[in-house]
Amino acid sequence: MQGTVLLRVLVDETGRPVQVEIAHGSGYLVLDRSAREQVLARWRFQPAIVNGHAVRAWASVPVSFVLNNL
């Protein structure tokens, strides 16, 4: 299985993802769920800045799963 999941991520003022939605799936439910869970649990972002202050904002984030031939 391989593919790319496009996620919509709501990033709070501290850079933590607080909501993650699947905007476009990879074609594999297990990859889509894994991408969503990993972003929520472990990823951190630079928060959006408006007028010098960090604000909540949505971001589009692609997550690719690729098999390597070793």
PDB file of N, CA and C in Angstrom:
ATOM      1  N   MET A   1       0.836  -1.182   0.000  1.00  0.00           N
ATOM      2  CA  MET A   1       0.000   0.000   0.000  1.00  0.00           C
ATOM      3  C   MET A   1       0.874   1.237   0.000  1.00  0.00           C
ATOM      4  N   GLN A   2       0.540   2.187  -0.819  1.00  0.00           N
ATOM      5  CA  GLN A   2       1.194   3.486  -0.798  1.00  0.00           C
ATOM      6  C   GLN A   2       0.238   4.520  -1.383  1.00  0.00           C
ATOM      7  N   GLY A   3       0.494   5.766  -1.067  1.00  0.00           N
ATOM      8  CA  GLY A   3      -0.355   6.838  -1.550  1.00  0.00           C
ATOM      9  C   GLY A   3      -0.153   8.088  -0.719  1.00  0.00           C
ATOM     10  N   THR A   4      -0.892   9.128  -1.071  1.00  0.00           N
ATOM     11  CA  THR A   4      -0.806  10.403  -0.370  1.00  0.00           C
ATOM     12  C   THR A   4      -2.178  10.775   0.172  1.00  0.00           C
ATOM     13  N   VAL A   5      -2.195  11.169   1.438  1.00  0.00           N
ATOM     14  CA  VAL A   5      -3.399  11.635   2.118  1.00  0.00           C
ATOM     15  C   VAL A   5      -3.279  13.146   2.238  1.00  0.00           C
ATOM     16  N   LEU A   6      -4.310  13.884   1.858  1.00  0.00           N
ATOM     17  CA  LEU A   6      -4.323  15.326   2.047  1.00  0.00           C
ATOM     18  C   LEU A   6      -5.188  15.626   3.261  1.00  0.00           C
ATOM     19  N   LEU A   7      -4.572  16.227   4.282  1.00  0.00           N
ATOM     20  CA  LEU A   7      -5.262  16.536   5.525  1.00  0.00           C
ATOM     21  C   LEU A   7      -5.515  18.027   5.649  1.00  0.00           C
ATOM     22  N   ARG A   8      -6.631  18.383   6.285  1.00  0.00           N
ATOM     23  CA  ARG A   8      -6.887  19.762   6.724  1.00  0.00           C
ATOM     24  C   ARG A   8      -6.638  19.753   8.218  1.00  0.00           C
ATOM     25  N   VAL A   9      -5.719  20.602   8.652  1.00  0.00           N
ATOM     26  CA  VAL A   9      -5.308  20.610  10.051  1.00  0.00           C
ATOM     27  C   VAL A   9      -5.585  21.983  10.659  1.00  0.00           C
ATOM     28  N   LEU A  10      -6.323  21.998  11.770  1.00  0.00           N
ATOM     29  CA  LEU A  10      -6.531  23.227  12.521  1.00  0.00           C
ATOM     30  C   LEU A  10      -5.410  23.320  13.551  1.00  0.00           C
ATOM     31  N   VAL A  11      -4.566  24.336  13.391  1.00  0.00           N
ATOM     32  CA  VAL A  11      -3.399  24.535  14.251  1.00  0.00           C
ATOM     33  C   VAL A  11      -3.714  25.655  15.233  1.00  0.00           C
ATOM     34  N   ASP A  12      -3.496  25.396  16.536  1.00  0.00           N
ATOM     35  CA  ASP A  12      -3.792  26.429  17.530  1.00  0.00           C
ATOM     36  C   ASP A  12      -2.644  27.430  17.660  1.00  0.00           C
ATOM     37  N   GLU A  13      -2.789  28.347  18.588  1.00  0.00           N
ATOM     38  CA  GLU A  13      -1.829  29.436  18.762  1.00  0.00           C
ATOM     39  C   GLU A  13      -0.452  28.970  19.234  1.00  0.00           C
ATOM     40  N   THR A  14      -0.385  27.755  19.765  1.00  0.00           N
ATOM     41  CA  THR A  14       0.910  27.215  20.229  1.00  0.00           C
ATOM     42  C   THR A  14       1.561  26.308  19.194  1.00  0.00           C
ATOM     43  N   GLY A  15       0.871  26.063  18.081  1.00  0.00           N
ATOM     44  CA  GLY A  15       1.417  25.200  17.037  1.00  0.00           C
ATOM     45  C   GLY A  15       0.960  23.752  17.128  1.00  0.00           C
ATOM     46  N   ARG A  16       0.055  23.470  18.041  1.00  0.00           N
ATOM     47  CA  ARG A  16      -0.453  22.100  18.172  1.00  0.00           C
ATOM     48  C   ARG A  16      -1.671  21.889  17.268  1.00  0.00           C
ATOM     49  N   PRO A  17      -1.753  20.720  16.621  1.00  0.00           N
ATOM     50  CA  PRO A  17      -2.947  20.417  15.845  1.00  0.00           C
ATOM     51  C   PRO A  17      -4.097  20.067  16.791  1.00  0.00           C
ATOM     52  N   VAL A  18      -5.240  20.701  16.620  1.00  0.00           N
ATOM     53  CA  VAL A  18      -6.381  20.444  17.495  1.00  0.00           C
ATOM     54  C   VAL A  18      -7.523  19.735  16.768  1.00  0.00           C
ATOM     55  N   GLN A  19      -7.493  19.770  15.451  1.00  0.00           N
ATOM     56  CA  GLN A  19      -8.499  19.069  14.660  1.00  0.00           C
ATOM     57  C   GLN A  19      -7.862  18.676  13.340  1.00  0.00           C
ATOM     58  N   VAL A  20      -8.097  17.443  12.911  1.00  0.00           N
ATOM     59  CA  VAL A  20      -7.547  16.965  11.645  1.00  0.00           C
ATOM     60  C   VAL A  20      -8.658  16.274  10.864  1.00  0.00           C
ATOM     61  N   GLU A  21      -8.856  16.722   9.634  1.00  0.00           N
ATOM     62  CA  GLU A  21      -9.862  16.152   8.743  1.00  0.00           C
ATOM     63  C   GLU A  21      -9.172  15.617   7.492  1.00  0.00           C
ATOM     64  N   ILE A  22      -9.715  14.563   6.945  1.00  0.00           N
ATOM     65  CA  ILE A  22      -9.182  14.009   5.703  1.00  0.00           C
ATOM     66  C   ILE A  22      -9.860  14.734   4.546  1.00  0.00           C
ATOM     67  N   ALA A  23      -9.084  15.550   3.829  1.00  0.00           N
ATOM     68  CA  ALA A  23      -9.613  16.301   2.686  1.00  0.00           C
ATOM     69  C   ALA A  23      -9.678  15.421   1.446  1.00  0.00           C
ATOM     70  N   HIS A  24      -8.664  14.558   1.296  1.00  0.00           N
ATOM     71  CA  HIS A  24      -8.621  13.632   0.154  1.00  0.00           C
ATOM     72  C   HIS A  24      -7.862  12.394   0.596  1.00  0.00           C
ATOM     73  N   GLY A  25      -8.506  11.264   0.517  1.00  0.00           N
ATOM     74  CA  GLY A  25      -7.896  10.019   0.976  1.00  0.00           C
ATOM     75  C   GLY A  25      -6.902   9.427  -0.013  1.00  0.00           C
ATOM     76  N   SER A  26      -6.127   8.493   0.489  1.00  0.00           N
ATOM     77  CA  SER A  26      -5.102   7.811  -0.301  1.00  0.00           C
ATOM     78  C   SER A  26      -5.665   6.656  -1.112  1.00  0.00           C
ATOM     79  N   GLY A  27      -6.882   6.247  -0.756  1.00  0.00           N
ATOM     80  CA  GLY A  27      -7.443   5.039  -1.352  1.00  0.00           C
ATOM     81  C   GLY A  27      -7.361   3.859  -0.398  1.00  0.00           C
ATOM     82  N   TYR A  28      -6.680   4.052   0.728  1.00  0.00           N
ATOM     83  CA  TYR A  28      -6.529   3.018   1.737  1.00  0.00           C
ATOM     84  C   TYR A  28      -6.917   3.598   3.098  1.00  0.00           C
ATOM     85  N   LEU A  29      -7.985   3.092   3.672  1.00  0.00           N
ATOM     86  CA  LEU A  29      -8.482   3.597   4.942  1.00  0.00           C
ATOM     87  C   LEU A  29      -7.427   3.530   6.043  1.00  0.00           C
ATOM     88  N   VAL A  30      -6.634   2.465   6.059  1.00  0.00           N
ATOM     89  CA  VAL A  30      -5.606   2.314   7.100  1.00  0.00           C
ATOM     90  C   VAL A  30      -4.544   3.416   7.000  1.00  0.00           C
ATOM     91  N   LEU A  31      -4.162   3.817   5.802  1.00  0.00           N
ATOM     92  CA  LEU A  31      -3.194   4.903   5.636  1.00  0.00           C
ATOM     93  C   LEU A  31      -3.812   6.242   6.032  1.00  0.00           C
ATOM     94  N   ASP A  32      -5.062   6.461   5.653  1.00  0.00           N
ATOM     95  CA  ASP A  32      -5.738   7.710   5.997  1.00  0.00           C
ATOM     96  C   ASP A  32      -5.832   7.875   7.511  1.00  0.00           C
ATOM     97  N   ARG A  33      -6.251   6.815   8.195  1.00  0.00           N
ATOM     98  CA  ARG A  33      -6.369   6.864   9.659  1.00  0.00           C
ATOM     99  C   ARG A  33      -5.014   7.063  10.322  1.00  0.00           C
ATOM    100  N   SER A  34      -4.006   6.371   9.821  1.00  0.00           N
ATOM    101  CA  SER A  34      -2.661   6.482  10.393  1.00  0.00           C
ATOM    102  C   SER A  34      -2.126   7.905  10.260  1.00  0.00           C
ATOM    103  N   ALA A  35      -2.304   8.504   9.098  1.00  0.00           N
ATOM    104  CA  ALA A  35      -1.835   9.876   8.885  1.00  0.00           C
ATOM    105  C   ALA A  35      -2.524  10.818   9.853  1.00  0.00           C
ATOM    106  N   ARG A  36      -3.831  10.702   9.987  1.00  0.00           N
ATOM    107  CA  ARG A  36      -4.596  11.567  10.892  1.00  0.00           C
ATOM    108  C   ARG A  36      -4.137  11.394  12.335  1.00  0.00           C
ATOM    109  N   GLU A  37      -4.008  10.162  12.787  1.00  0.00           N
ATOM    110  CA  GLU A  37      -3.604   9.889  14.164  1.00  0.00           C
ATOM    111  C   GLU A  37      -2.197  10.399  14.467  1.00  0.00           C
ATOM    112  N   GLN A  38      -1.270  10.206  13.543  1.00  0.00           N
ATOM    113  CA  GLN A  38       0.115  10.647  13.765  1.00  0.00           C
ATOM    114  C   GLN A  38       0.214  12.168  13.829  1.00  0.00           C
ATOM    115  N   VAL A  39      -0.498  12.851  12.956  1.00  0.00           N
ATOM    116  CA  VAL A  39      -0.470  14.318  12.978  1.00  0.00           C
ATOM    117  C   VAL A  39      -1.038  14.832  14.300  1.00  0.00           C
ATOM    118  N   LEU A  40      -2.163  14.278  14.735  1.00  0.00           N
ATOM    119  CA  LEU A  40      -2.761  14.713  16.004  1.00  0.00           C
ATOM    120  C   LEU A  40      -1.854  14.434  17.198  1.00  0.00           C
ATOM    121  N   ALA A  41      -1.202  13.296  17.196  1.00  0.00           N
ATOM    122  CA  ALA A  41      -0.430  12.866  18.366  1.00  0.00           C
ATOM    123  C   ALA A  41       0.970  13.456  18.451  1.00  0.00           C
ATOM    124  N   ARG A  42       1.628  13.678  17.308  1.00  0.00           N
ATOM    125  CA  ARG A  42       3.060  13.965  17.371  1.00  0.00           C
ATOM    126  C   ARG A  42       3.534  15.214  16.640  1.00  0.00           C
ATOM    127  N   TRP A  43       2.791  15.702  15.682  1.00  0.00           N
ATOM    128  CA  TRP A  43       3.289  16.818  14.885  1.00  0.00           C
ATOM    129  C   TRP A  43       3.095  18.150  15.593  1.00  0.00           C
ATOM    130  N   ARG A  44       4.010  19.067  15.294  1.00  0.00           N
ATOM    131  CA  ARG A  44       3.912  20.449  15.773  1.00  0.00           C
ATOM    132  C   ARG A  44       4.162  21.372  14.586  1.00  0.00           C
ATOM    133  N   PHE A  45       3.513  22.524  14.597  1.00  0.00           N
ATOM    134  CA  PHE A  45       3.568  23.463  13.482  1.00  0.00           C
ATOM    135  C   PHE A  45       3.968  24.851  13.967  1.00  0.00           C
ATOM    136  N   GLN A  46       4.373  25.692  13.038  1.00  0.00           N
ATOM    137  CA  GLN A  46       4.526  27.111  13.320  1.00  0.00           C
ATOM    138  C   GLN A  46       3.138  27.709  13.226  1.00  0.00           C
ATOM    139  N   PRO A  47       2.650  28.376  14.270  1.00  0.00           N
ATOM    140  CA  PRO A  47       1.305  28.945  14.189  1.00  0.00           C
ATOM    141  C   PRO A  47       1.253  30.107  13.204  1.00  0.00           C
ATOM    142  N   ALA A  48       0.064  30.355  12.695  1.00  0.00           N
ATOM    143  CA  ALA A  48      -0.142  31.509  11.817  1.00  0.00           C
ATOM    144  C   ALA A  48      -0.028  32.786  12.652  1.00  0.00           C
ATOM    145  N   ILE A  49       0.466  33.846  12.017  1.00  0.00           N
ATOM    146  CA  ILE A  49       0.640  35.128  12.697  1.00  0.00           C
ATOM    147  C   ILE A  49      -0.218  36.174  11.986  1.00  0.00           C
ATOM    148  N   VAL A  50      -1.058  36.878  12.755  1.00  0.00           N
ATOM    149  CA  VAL A  50      -1.867  37.974  12.232  1.00  0.00           C
ATOM    150  C   VAL A  50      -1.643  39.179  13.142  1.00  0.00           C
ATOM    151  N   ASN A  51      -1.191  40.285  12.541  1.00  0.00           N
ATOM    152  CA  ASN A  51      -0.915  41.517  13.300  1.00  0.00           C
ATOM    153  C   ASN A  51       0.029  41.268  14.479  1.00  0.00           C
ATOM    154  N   GLY A  52       1.002  40.393  14.252  1.00  0.00           N
ATOM    155  CA  GLY A  52       2.006  40.129  15.275  1.00  0.00           C
ATOM    156  C   GLY A  52       1.602  39.139  16.349  1.00  0.00           C
ATOM    157  N   HIS A  53       0.420  38.547  16.230  1.00  0.00           N
ATOM    158  CA  HIS A  53      -0.062  37.602  17.244  1.00  0.00           C
ATOM    159  C   HIS A  53      -0.356  36.248  16.610  1.00  0.00           C
ATOM    160  N   ALA A  54      -0.021  35.192  17.337  1.00  0.00           N
ATOM    161  CA  ALA A  54      -0.341  33.840  16.882  1.00  0.00           C
ATOM    162  C   ALA A  54      -1.846  33.622  16.946  1.00  0.00           C
ATOM    163  N   VAL A  55      -2.388  32.978  15.901  1.00  0.00           N
ATOM    164  CA  VAL A  55      -3.826  32.715  15.831  1.00  0.00           C
ATOM    165  C   VAL A  55      -4.055  31.280  15.354  1.00  0.00           C
ATOM    166  N   ARG A  56      -5.261  30.781  15.623  1.00  0.00           N
ATOM    167  CA  ARG A  56      -5.657  29.480  15.077  1.00  0.00           C
ATOM    168  C   ARG A  56      -5.872  29.635  13.577  1.00  0.00           C
ATOM    169  N   ALA A  57      -5.480  28.612  12.842  1.00  0.00           N
ATOM    170  CA  ALA A  57      -5.669  28.660  11.392  1.00  0.00           C
ATOM    171  C   ALA A  57      -5.661  27.249  10.829  1.00  0.00           C
ATOM    172  N   TRP A  58      -6.314  27.088   9.688  1.00  0.00           N
ATOM    173  CA  TRP A  58      -6.330  25.815   8.975  1.00  0.00           C
ATOM    174  C   TRP A  58      -5.147  25.743   8.023  1.00  0.00           C
ATOM    175  N   ALA A  59      -4.589  24.549   7.886  1.00  0.00           N
ATOM    176  CA  ALA A  59      -3.503  24.303   6.935  1.00  0.00           C
ATOM    177  C   ALA A  59      -3.808  23.027   6.169  1.00  0.00           C
ATOM    178  N   SER A  60      -3.380  22.973   4.922  1.00  0.00           N
ATOM    179  CA  SER A  60      -3.460  21.741   4.134  1.00  0.00           C
ATOM    180  C   SER A  60      -2.119  21.045   4.216  1.00  0.00           C
ATOM    181  N   VAL A  61      -2.154  19.762   4.584  1.00  0.00           N
ATOM    182  CA  VAL A  61      -0.915  19.019   4.817  1.00  0.00           C
ATOM    183  C   VAL A  61      -0.975  17.685   4.073  1.00  0.00           C
ATOM    184  N   PRO A  62      -0.102  17.475   3.087  1.00  0.00           N
ATOM    185  CA  PRO A  62      -0.042  16.168   2.445  1.00  0.00           C
ATOM    186  C   PRO A  62       0.866  15.231   3.234  1.00  0.00           C
ATOM    187  N   VAL A  63       0.440  13.984   3.383  1.00  0.00           N
ATOM    188  CA  VAL A  63       1.246  12.960   4.028  1.00  0.00           C
ATOM    189  C   VAL A  63       1.365  11.804   3.028  1.00  0.00           C
ATOM    190  N   SER A  64       2.615  11.502   2.646  1.00  0.00           N
ATOM    191  CA  SER A  64       2.845  10.457   1.635  1.00  0.00           C
ATOM    192  C   SER A  64       3.387   9.181   2.275  1.00  0.00           C
ATOM    193  N   PHE A  65       2.871   8.065   1.817  1.00  0.00           N
ATOM    194  CA  PHE A  65       3.349   6.755   2.210  1.00  0.00           C
ATOM    195  C   PHE A  65       3.950   6.111   0.953  1.00  0.00           C
ATOM    196  N   VAL A  66       5.247   5.797   1.008  1.00  0.00           N
ATOM    197  CA  VAL A  66       5.953   5.265  -0.144  1.00  0.00           C
ATOM    198  C   VAL A  66       6.747   4.040   0.273  1.00  0.00           C
ATOM    199  N   LEU A  67       6.627   2.960  -0.500  1.00  0.00           N
ATOM    200  CA  LEU A  67       7.433   1.766  -0.254  1.00  0.00           C
ATOM    201  C   LEU A  67       8.776   1.931  -0.937  1.00  0.00           C
ATOM    202  N   ASN A  68       9.845   1.658  -0.211  1.00  0.00           N
ATOM    203  CA  ASN A  68      11.188   1.719  -0.775  1.00  0.00           C
ATOM    204  C   ASN A  68      11.657   0.321  -1.149  1.00  0.00           C
ATOM    205  N   ASN A  69      12.219   0.176  -2.317  1.00  0.00           N
ATOM    206  CA  ASN A  69      12.821  -1.096  -2.734  1.00  0.00           C
ATOM    207  C   ASN A  69      14.269  -1.100  -2.290  1.00  0.00           C
ATOM    208  N   LEU A  70      14.584  -1.918  -1.324  1.00  0.00           N
ATOM    209  CA  LEU A  70      15.963  -1.972  -0.814  1.00  0.00           C
ATOM    210  C   LEU A  70      16.719  -3.110  -1.423  1.00  0.00           C
TER     211      LEU A  70
END
